[in-house]
């Protein structure tokens, strides 16, 4: 800005004393006097240039001051960012290390799981075989126990008196109630080992007959002469089945009641719990009471009702 102002520096004489020379020069200078419009334009130009120069200088000063003021903050921020970056790099290294350890652990676990999976598959096959074998053994045990009880009978409703469960008492009871021609040979007899009931109902008598034919005859006559009475009390004689067999046979009670007295239908329960039905020359055998009931309702009941 100073260089621009030098263009308008005053270069006239410093003395004010008039002289002839001065007069002559003033006369000649008066002829070259600048017009007023030109002076106004020069002033405006000067003003404009001064303002532009001031703006540029002020802008430079402000920029310099701002730069100096913010330099420390920028340096501090840069240092903090570099510290955060370094921390992130360290953390990433630690994370990568942990991930590598996890991958290694997972790989070991995959190998172990593969081994255990093979062993579990083998064990499952073994367990399946053992289940089948156990079911077969259980079935054989039930069959064996049933065969051991094939000569046993169970007498219900006999009052508990002294000696009422002896072999002699059972022989006398069977001959009297069933009207047998001879005495039945009884090997053993006793009351059920269950505790006495609080309602006073007598425990059943379990008797083992010596001959299987006598057992069949006793059960046949018991069904034929039902209801049975002894000493003024109602009694009943049944085969002596195991609890599981008795429960399985009892599940067919409802089906048997539905088929009772229906023409053309023959049915019965085979040991241990096989329900056999014969209708119109077709024979069916069931071990499931639900399936037996479904078959009877669909093919026997509906057919006999339609024919009726």
Protein backbone atom coordinates (compact mmCIF):
# COMPACT_ATOMS: atom_id res chain seq x y z
CA UNK A 1 0.00 0.00 0.00
CA UNK A 2 2.92 2.39 0.69
CA UNK A 3 4.26 1.98 -2.83
CA UNK A 4 0.88 2.96 -4.20
CA UNK A 5 0.72 6.02 -2.05
CA UNK A 6 4.13 7.21 -3.34
CA UNK A 7 2.55 7.89 -6.76
CA UNK A 8 0.64 10.78 -5.19
CA UNK A 9 3.61 12.30 -3.24
CA UNK A 10 3.78 16.21 -3.32
CA UNK A 11 6.88 17.42 -5.26
CA UNK A 12 6.26 21.26 -5.36
CA UNK A 13 8.64 23.96 -3.95
CA UNK A 14 9.02 24.16 -0.22
CA UNK A 15 9.27 28.07 -0.12
CA UNK A 16 6.41 30.47 -0.31
CA UNK A 17 8.43 33.57 -1.34
CA UNK A 18 7.17 34.95 -4.66
CA UNK A 19 9.63 35.49 -7.46
CA UNK A 20 9.68 36.26 -11.08
CA UNK A 21 10.45 32.76 -11.91
CA UNK A 22 7.57 31.62 -9.86
CA UNK A 23 5.23 33.91 -11.57
CA UNK A 24 6.34 32.79 -14.95
CA UNK A 25 6.03 29.14 -13.94
CA UNK A 26 2.65 29.68 -12.36
CA UNK A 27 1.54 31.34 -15.49
CA UNK A 28 2.66 28.41 -17.55
CA UNK A 29 1.29 25.88 -14.98
CA UNK A 30 -2.03 27.60 -14.92
CA UNK A 31 -2.29 26.72 -18.53
CA UNK A 32 -1.82 23.01 -17.61
CA UNK A 33 -4.29 22.84 -14.65
CA UNK A 34 -5.99 19.38 -14.29
CA UNK A 35 -9.78 19.32 -14.73
CA UNK A 36 -11.93 18.74 -11.59
CA UNK A 37 -13.50 15.51 -12.95
CA UNK A 38 -10.10 13.94 -13.33
CA UNK A 39 -9.22 14.80 -9.75
CA UNK A 40 -12.45 13.18 -8.48
CA UNK A 41 -11.73 9.99 -10.44
CA UNK A 42 -8.18 9.87 -9.08
CA UNK A 43 -9.53 10.21 -5.53
CA UNK A 44 -12.06 7.44 -6.04
CA UNK A 45 -9.42 5.21 -7.55
CA UNK A 46 -7.09 5.96 -4.67
CA UNK A 47 -9.85 5.19 -2.17
CA UNK A 48 -10.71 1.93 -3.89
CA UNK A 49 -7.09 0.82 -4.08
CA UNK A 50 -6.54 1.75 -0.44
CA UNK A 51 -9.60 -0.30 0.62
CA UNK A 52 -8.53 -3.31 -1.43
CA UNK A 53 -5.03 -3.08 0.00
CA UNK A 54 -6.41 -2.82 3.54
CA UNK A 55 -8.67 -5.84 2.98
CA UNK A 56 -5.80 -7.89 1.68
CA UNK A 57 -3.57 -6.89 4.58
CA UNK A 58 -6.30 -7.50 7.15
CA UNK A 59 -7.09 -10.89 5.58
CA UNK A 60 -3.42 -11.83 5.68
CA UNK A 61 -3.14 -10.77 9.31
CA UNK A 62 -6.30 -12.62 10.36
CA UNK A 63 -5.23 -15.75 8.50
CA UNK A 64 -1.84 -15.63 10.11
CA UNK A 65 -3.31 -15.09 13.58
CA UNK A 66 -5.85 -17.91 13.13
CA UNK A 67 -3.17 -20.23 11.88
CA UNK A 68 -0.97 -19.44 14.84
CA UNK A 69 -3.89 -19.81 17.27
CA UNK A 70 -5.08 -23.11 15.82
CA UNK A 71 -1.68 -24.59 15.21
CA UNK A 72 -1.37 -25.81 18.79
CA UNK A 73 -4.91 -27.29 18.76
CA UNK A 74 -4.23 -29.03 15.46
CA UNK A 75 -1.00 -30.43 16.79
CA UNK A 76 -2.75 -31.63 19.96
CA UNK A 77 -5.59 -33.16 17.93
CA UNK A 78 -3.12 -34.80 15.58
CA UNK A 79 -1.23 -36.25 18.54
CA UNK A 80 -4.48 -37.57 20.03
CA UNK A 81 -5.51 -39.11 16.70
CA UNK A 82 -2.12 -40.75 16.37
CA UNK A 83 -2.48 -42.10 19.92
CA UNK A 84 -5.96 -43.45 19.13
CA UNK A 85 -4.62 -44.98 15.93
CA UNK A 86 -1.79 -46.64 17.81
CA UNK A 87 -4.23 -47.93 20.43
CA UNK A 88 -6.54 -49.28 17.72
CA UNK A 89 -3.60 -51.01 16.07
CA UNK A 90 -2.61 -52.59 19.39
CA UNK A 91 -6.19 -53.62 20.10
CA UNK A 92 -6.55 -55.08 16.64
CA UNK A 93 -3.39 -57.09 17.18
CA UNK A 94 -4.77 -58.39 20.47
CA UNK A 95 -8.12 -59.16 18.84
CA UNK A 96 -6.42 -61.00 15.99
CA UNK A 97 -4.45 -62.99 18.54
CA UNK A 98 -7.61 -63.91 20.45
CA UNK A 99 -9.43 -64.80 17.22
CA UNK A 100 -6.56 -67.06 16.23
CA UNK A 101 -6.76 -68.75 19.63
CA UNK A 102 -10.54 -69.17 19.26
CA UNK A 103 -10.06 -70.64 15.78
CA UNK A 104 -7.52 -73.09 17.13
CA UNK A 105 -9.87 -74.03 19.99
CA UNK A 106 -12.77 -74.47 17.57
CA UNK A 107 -10.63 -76.66 15.37
CA UNK A 108 -9.74 -78.85 18.33
CA UNK A 109 -13.39 -78.97 19.35
CA UNK A 110 -14.43 -79.94 15.83
CA UNK A 111 -12.01 -82.81 15.93
CA UNK A 112 -13.28 -83.88 19.35
CA UNK A 113 -16.92 -83.51 18.30
CA UNK A 114 -16.29 -85.58 15.21
CA UNK A 115 -14.83 -88.32 17.37
CA UNK A 116 -17.68 -88.08 19.87
CA UNK A 117 -20.22 -88.09 17.05
CA UNK A 118 -18.81 -91.35 15.76
CA UNK A 119 -18.87 -92.79 19.26
CA UNK A 120 -22.44 -91.59 19.84
CA UNK A 121 -23.53 -93.20 16.57
CA UNK A 122 -21.94 -96.45 17.68
CA UNK A 123 -23.57 -96.17 21.10
CA UNK A 124 -26.96 -95.47 19.54
CA UNK A 125 -26.69 -98.61 17.47
CA UNK A 126 -25.62 -100.54 20.57
CA UNK A 127 -28.51 -99.11 22.61
CA UNK A 128 -30.99 -99.97 19.87
CA UNK A 129 -29.70 -103.54 19.84
CA UNK A 130 -29.88 -103.73 23.63
CA UNK A 131 -33.43 -102.38 23.62
CA UNK A 132 -34.50 -105.03 21.15
CA UNK A 133 -32.73 -107.70 23.18
CA UNK A 134 -34.29 -106.42 26.41
CA UNK A 135 -37.76 -106.46 24.87
CA UNK A 136 -37.19 -110.03 23.73
CA UNK A 137 -35.91 -111.05 27.18
CA UNK A 138 -38.86 -109.32 28.87
CA UNK A 139 -41.26 -111.13 26.57
CA UNK A 140 -39.58 -114.44 27.35
CA UNK A 141 -39.70 -113.73 31.09
CA UNK A 142 -43.41 -112.92 30.90
CA UNK A 143 -44.02 -116.09 28.91
CA UNK A 144 -41.96 -118.17 31.36
CA UNK A 145 -43.74 -116.73 34.38
CA UNK A 146 -47.06 -117.30 32.70
CA UNK A 147 -46.18 -120.93 32.01
CA UNK A 148 -45.14 -121.35 35.62
CA UNK A 149 -48.59 -120.06 36.62
CA UNK A 150 -50.56 -122.05 34.06
CA UNK A 151 -51.82 -124.42 36.81
CA UNK A 152 -52.62 -121.59 39.24
CA UNK A 153 -56.11 -120.31 40.01
CA UNK A 154 -57.18 -117.21 41.94
CA UNK A 155 -60.28 -117.46 44.15
CA UNK A 156 -61.96 -114.18 45.16
CA UNK A 157 -64.57 -113.49 47.82
CA UNK A 158 -63.81 -116.26 50.34
CA UNK A 159 -63.99 -114.95 53.91
CA UNK A 160 -60.73 -114.91 55.80
CA UNK A 161 -61.11 -117.49 58.57
CA UNK A 162 -58.62 -119.77 60.20
CA UNK A 163 -57.51 -122.43 57.68
CA UNK A 164 -59.65 -121.05 54.86
CA UNK A 165 -56.59 -120.82 52.63
CA UNK A 166 -55.27 -124.35 53.20
CA UNK A 167 -55.08 -126.98 50.46
CA UNK A 168 -57.81 -129.09 52.11
CA UNK A 169 -60.17 -126.10 52.30
CA UNK A 170 -59.54 -125.24 48.64
CA UNK A 171 -60.14 -128.84 47.54
CA UNK A 172 -63.43 -128.92 49.47
CA UNK A 173 -64.49 -125.53 48.08
CA UNK A 174 -63.84 -126.50 44.45
CA UNK A 175 -65.71 -129.81 44.72
CA UNK A 176 -68.69 -128.22 46.48
CA UNK A 177 -69.03 -125.06 44.40
CA UNK A 178 -68.26 -126.57 40.98
CA UNK A 179 -69.99 -129.90 41.65
CA UNK A 180 -66.95 -131.98 40.70
CA UNK A 181 -67.04 -135.78 40.65
CA UNK A 182 -63.71 -136.09 42.45
CA UNK A 183 -61.37 -134.07 44.59
CA UNK A 184 -58.86 -131.86 42.83
CA UNK A 185 -55.24 -132.38 43.85
CA UNK A 186 -53.94 -129.06 45.16
CA UNK A 187 -50.16 -128.75 45.59
CA UNK A 188 -50.08 -125.36 47.36
CA UNK A 189 -52.48 -122.63 48.40
CA UNK A 190 -52.22 -119.39 50.33
CA UNK A 191 -53.71 -115.96 50.70
CA UNK A 192 -52.30 -113.08 48.69
CA UNK A 193 -49.27 -111.49 50.33
CA UNK A 194 -50.83 -108.04 50.06
CA UNK A 195 -51.72 -106.40 53.40
CA UNK A 196 -55.27 -106.75 54.69
CA UNK A 197 -57.63 -104.16 53.32
CA UNK A 198 -59.13 -101.55 55.58
CA UNK A 199 -62.65 -102.15 54.20
CA UNK A 200 -62.57 -105.78 55.40
CA UNK A 201 -62.71 -107.26 51.91
CA UNK A 202 -60.96 -110.66 51.96
CA UNK A 203 -57.69 -111.16 50.14
CA UNK A 204 -57.74 -113.60 47.21
CA UNK A 205 -56.63 -117.24 47.57
CA UNK A 206 -53.95 -118.42 45.15
CA UNK A 207 -53.87 -122.17 44.61
CA UNK A 208 -51.60 -124.31 42.43
CA UNK A 209 -53.28 -127.41 41.05
CA UNK A 210 -51.19 -130.48 40.36
CA UNK A 211 -52.65 -131.28 36.94
CA UNK A 212 -53.17 -128.79 34.13
CA UNK A 213 -56.29 -130.66 32.98
CA UNK A 214 -57.86 -130.10 36.40
CA UNK A 215 -57.09 -126.37 36.09
CA UNK A 216 -58.77 -126.19 32.68
CA UNK A 217 -61.82 -128.06 33.98
CA UNK A 218 -62.10 -125.83 37.06
CA UNK A 219 -61.97 -122.63 34.99
CA UNK A 220 -64.45 -124.01 32.44
CA UNK A 221 -66.93 -125.00 35.14
CA UNK A 222 -66.44 -121.66 36.89
CA UNK A 223 -67.50 -119.82 33.74
CA UNK A 224 -70.40 -122.21 33.15
CA UNK A 225 -71.78 -122.04 36.72
CA UNK A 226 -71.31 -118.30 37.23
CA UNK A 227 -72.25 -116.62 39.49
CA UNK A 228 -70.71 -118.84 42.15
CA UNK A 229 -71.68 -118.87 45.85
CA UNK A 230 -69.91 -120.32 48.88
CA UNK A 231 -71.14 -120.09 52.47
CA UNK A 232 -73.75 -117.58 51.38
CA UNK A 233 -71.19 -115.26 49.69
CA UNK A 234 -70.51 -114.61 46.02
CA UNK A 235 -67.11 -115.84 44.88
CA UNK A 236 -65.22 -115.88 41.60
CA UNK A 237 -62.50 -118.11 40.16
CA UNK A 238 -60.00 -116.75 37.61
CA UNK A 239 -56.64 -117.74 36.14
CA UNK A 240 -53.65 -116.45 38.09
CA UNK A 241 -51.95 -114.05 35.69
CA UNK A 242 -49.09 -111.65 36.34
CA UNK A 243 -49.99 -108.00 36.87
CA UNK A 244 -48.80 -106.96 33.40
CA UNK A 245 -50.65 -109.79 31.67
CA UNK A 246 -53.82 -109.18 33.67
CA UNK A 247 -53.73 -105.49 32.77
CA UNK A 248 -53.18 -106.24 29.08
CA UNK A 249 -56.04 -108.76 29.02
CA UNK A 250 -58.33 -106.38 30.91
CA UNK A 251 -57.88 -103.76 28.17
CA UNK A 252 -60.00 -105.95 25.87
CA UNK A 253 -62.96 -106.09 28.30
CA UNK A 254 -64.97 -103.41 26.48
CA UNK A 255 -64.50 -105.11 23.10
CA UNK A 256 -65.58 -108.45 24.53
CA UNK A 257 -68.72 -106.90 26.01
CA UNK A 258 -69.63 -105.38 22.64
CA UNK A 259 -69.24 -108.73 20.87
CA UNK A 260 -71.05 -110.80 23.46
CA UNK A 261 -74.24 -112.50 22.10
CA UNK A 262 -73.66 -111.25 18.55
CA UNK A 263 -74.50 -113.92 15.97
CA UNK A 264 -71.76 -115.25 13.73
CA UNK A 265 -68.96 -113.83 15.86
CA UNK A 266 -66.40 -115.90 17.75
CA UNK A 267 -63.77 -114.31 19.95
CA UNK A 268 -61.36 -115.07 22.76
CA UNK A 269 -58.10 -114.05 24.42
CA UNK A 270 -55.01 -116.16 23.94
CA UNK A 271 -52.06 -116.10 26.29
CA UNK A 272 -50.61 -113.74 27.20
CA UNK A 273 -52.88 -111.00 25.77
CA UNK A 274 -53.80 -111.72 22.16
CA UNK A 275 -57.40 -110.98 21.23
CA UNK A 276 -58.65 -113.20 18.41
CA UNK A 277 -61.90 -112.63 16.56
CA UNK A 278 -63.48 -114.68 13.79
CA UNK A 279 -66.25 -113.18 11.67
CA UNK A 280 -67.61 -114.47 8.33
CA UNK A 281 -64.74 -116.93 8.01
CA UNK A 282 -62.10 -114.22 8.46
CA UNK A 283 -59.82 -114.44 11.49
CA UNK A 284 -58.09 -111.41 13.01
CA UNK A 285 -55.70 -111.18 15.96
CA UNK A 286 -54.87 -108.02 17.93
CA UNK A 287 -52.50 -107.09 20.72
CA UNK A 288 -53.74 -103.47 20.83
CA UNK A 289 -57.19 -102.91 22.32
CA UNK A 290 -57.67 -99.62 20.42
CA UNK A 291 -57.08 -101.27 17.04
CA UNK A 292 -59.33 -104.15 18.03
CA UNK A 293 -62.13 -101.72 18.96
CA UNK A 294 -61.72 -99.82 15.69
CA UNK A 295 -61.96 -103.05 13.67
CA UNK A 296 -65.02 -104.29 15.56
CA UNK A 297 -66.89 -100.99 15.15
CA UNK A 298 -66.06 -100.72 11.45
CA UNK A 299 -66.55 -104.29 10.24
CA UNK A 300 -68.58 -106.17 12.84
CA UNK A 301 -70.95 -103.80 14.62
CA UNK A 302 -71.93 -101.85 11.51
CA UNK A 303 -72.42 -105.05 9.51
CA UNK A 304 -74.54 -106.79 12.13
CA UNK A 305 -76.69 -103.66 12.66
CA UNK A 306 -77.22 -103.37 8.89
CA UNK A 307 -78.23 -107.01 8.66
CA UNK A 308 -80.57 -106.61 11.65
